[in-house]
Amino acid sequence: MKKILIPLLAFGGALALQPALAEDGDALYKTKGCTVCHAVDSKLVGPSYKDVAAKYAGQADAVDVLAAKIKNGGSGNWGQIPMPPNAVTEEEAKALAKWVLEQK
């Protein structure tokens, strides 16, 4: 009985933590390749996240707009260099967008 119960409990605990890990914008920022083009407080290839947060501050649909840009890419908002689409889920894109908007 113990041989089955302990692995089941460990597996259940890992599953329970999965959504929490997927929604951590800071961890996603570091693991999804965002750091190649973006920094929190300085412009690299793309704008700093503080600049993005300032631009979208007070915009009601900012999370959805940014999540769509993260997932699908975009161009023309910050200069000539386009942002390519990113391999993220809708949930990850929204977590990243929320995290970006928290940078002040």
Protein backbone atom coordinates (compact mmCIF):
# COMPACT_ATOMS: atom_id res chain seq x y z
CA MET A 1 0.00 0.00 0.00
CA LYS A 2 2.80 2.44 0.89
CA LYS A 3 4.55 1.66 -2.40
CA ILE A 4 1.55 3.01 -4.28
CA LEU A 5 0.39 5.76 -1.92
CA ILE A 6 3.65 7.72 -1.64
CA PRO A 7 4.26 8.05 -5.41
CA LEU A 8 0.60 8.97 -5.93
CA LEU A 9 0.84 11.73 -3.33
CA ALA A 10 4.07 13.04 -4.86
CA PHE A 11 2.54 13.02 -8.32
CA GLY A 12 -0.58 14.78 -7.05
CA GLY A 13 1.55 17.44 -5.37
CA ALA A 14 3.50 18.03 -8.57
CA LEU A 15 0.27 18.41 -10.53
CA ALA A 16 -1.09 20.83 -7.98
CA LEU A 17 2.00 23.05 -8.33
CA GLN A 18 1.98 23.02 -12.15
CA PRO A 19 -0.51 25.94 -12.62
CA ALA A 20 1.31 28.05 -10.04
CA LEU A 21 4.62 27.56 -11.83
CA ALA A 22 3.09 28.26 -15.25
CA GLU A 23 1.68 31.56 -14.04
CA ASP A 24 4.93 32.94 -12.61
CA GLY A 25 5.76 35.77 -15.01
CA ASP A 26 9.26 36.28 -13.64
CA ALA A 27 10.17 32.62 -14.20
CA LEU A 28 8.60 32.67 -17.67
CA TYR A 29 10.52 35.85 -18.55
CA LYS A 30 13.76 34.06 -17.73
CA THR A 31 12.93 30.78 -19.49
CA LYS A 32 11.04 31.80 -22.63
CA GLY A 33 13.83 33.77 -24.30
CA CYS A 34 12.47 37.23 -23.45
CA THR A 35 15.84 38.31 -22.05
CA VAL A 36 17.40 38.15 -25.52
CA CYS A 37 15.56 41.31 -26.61
CA HIS A 38 14.15 42.86 -23.43
CA ALA A 39 15.34 44.03 -20.02
CA VAL A 40 13.30 45.30 -17.10
CA ASP A 41 14.76 48.79 -16.95
CA SER A 42 16.74 49.42 -20.14
CA LYS A 43 16.12 49.20 -23.88
CA LEU A 44 17.88 46.37 -25.71
CA VAL A 45 16.50 45.27 -29.08
CA GLY A 46 13.00 45.94 -27.78
CA PRO A 47 11.70 48.37 -25.19
CA SER A 48 12.27 47.98 -21.47
CA TYR A 49 9.42 46.45 -19.54
CA LYS A 50 9.16 49.60 -17.45
CA ASP A 51 8.53 51.58 -20.64
CA VAL A 52 5.91 49.06 -21.78
CA ALA A 53 4.19 49.20 -18.39
CA ALA A 54 4.15 53.01 -18.52
CA LYS A 55 2.73 53.05 -22.05
CA TYR A 56 -0.14 50.70 -21.17
CA ALA A 57 -0.80 52.02 -17.64
CA GLY A 58 -4.50 52.54 -17.06
CA GLN A 59 -5.54 50.78 -20.28
CA ALA A 60 -8.36 48.40 -19.36
CA ASP A 61 -7.48 45.76 -21.95
CA ALA A 62 -3.70 46.00 -21.52
CA VAL A 63 -3.25 42.37 -20.40
CA ASP A 64 -5.14 41.03 -23.41
CA VAL A 65 -3.39 43.39 -25.86
CA LEU A 66 0.08 42.53 -24.55
CA ALA A 67 -0.68 38.81 -24.32
CA ALA A 68 -1.70 38.82 -27.99
CA LYS A 69 1.53 40.65 -28.94
CA ILE A 70 3.61 38.20 -26.89
CA LYS A 71 1.95 35.18 -28.45
CA ASN A 72 1.53 36.42 -32.05
CA GLY A 73 4.29 39.00 -32.41
CA GLY A 74 3.88 42.54 -33.66
CA SER A 75 5.56 45.49 -35.30
CA GLY A 76 5.49 49.25 -35.57
CA ASN A 77 4.73 50.11 -31.95
CA TRP A 78 8.33 50.55 -30.78
CA GLY A 79 10.28 51.08 -33.98
CA GLN A 80 11.21 49.20 -37.11
CA ILE A 81 12.32 45.90 -35.57
CA PRO A 82 9.37 43.48 -35.34
CA MET A 83 8.75 41.25 -32.35
CA PRO A 84 8.47 37.63 -33.52
CA PRO A 85 5.72 35.31 -32.27
CA ASN A 86 6.65 33.39 -29.13
CA ALA A 87 6.05 29.74 -28.32
CA VAL A 88 3.84 30.32 -25.30
CA THR A 89 0.38 29.18 -24.31
CA GLU A 90 -2.44 31.67 -23.87
CA GLU A 91 -2.07 31.25 -20.09
CA GLU A 92 1.68 31.90 -20.24
CA ALA A 93 1.20 34.95 -22.47
CA LYS A 94 -1.28 36.43 -20.00
CA ALA A 95 1.02 35.69 -17.05
CA LEU A 96 3.89 37.40 -18.86
CA ALA A 97 1.69 40.38 -19.77
CA LYS A 98 0.55 40.80 -16.15
CA TRP A 99 4.16 40.59 -14.99
CA VAL A 100 5.30 43.18 -17.54
CA LEU A 101 2.56 45.59 -16.43
CA GLU A 102 3.75 45.25 -12.80
CA GLN A 103 7.21 46.59 -13.70
CA LYS A 104 7.39 50.22 -12.60
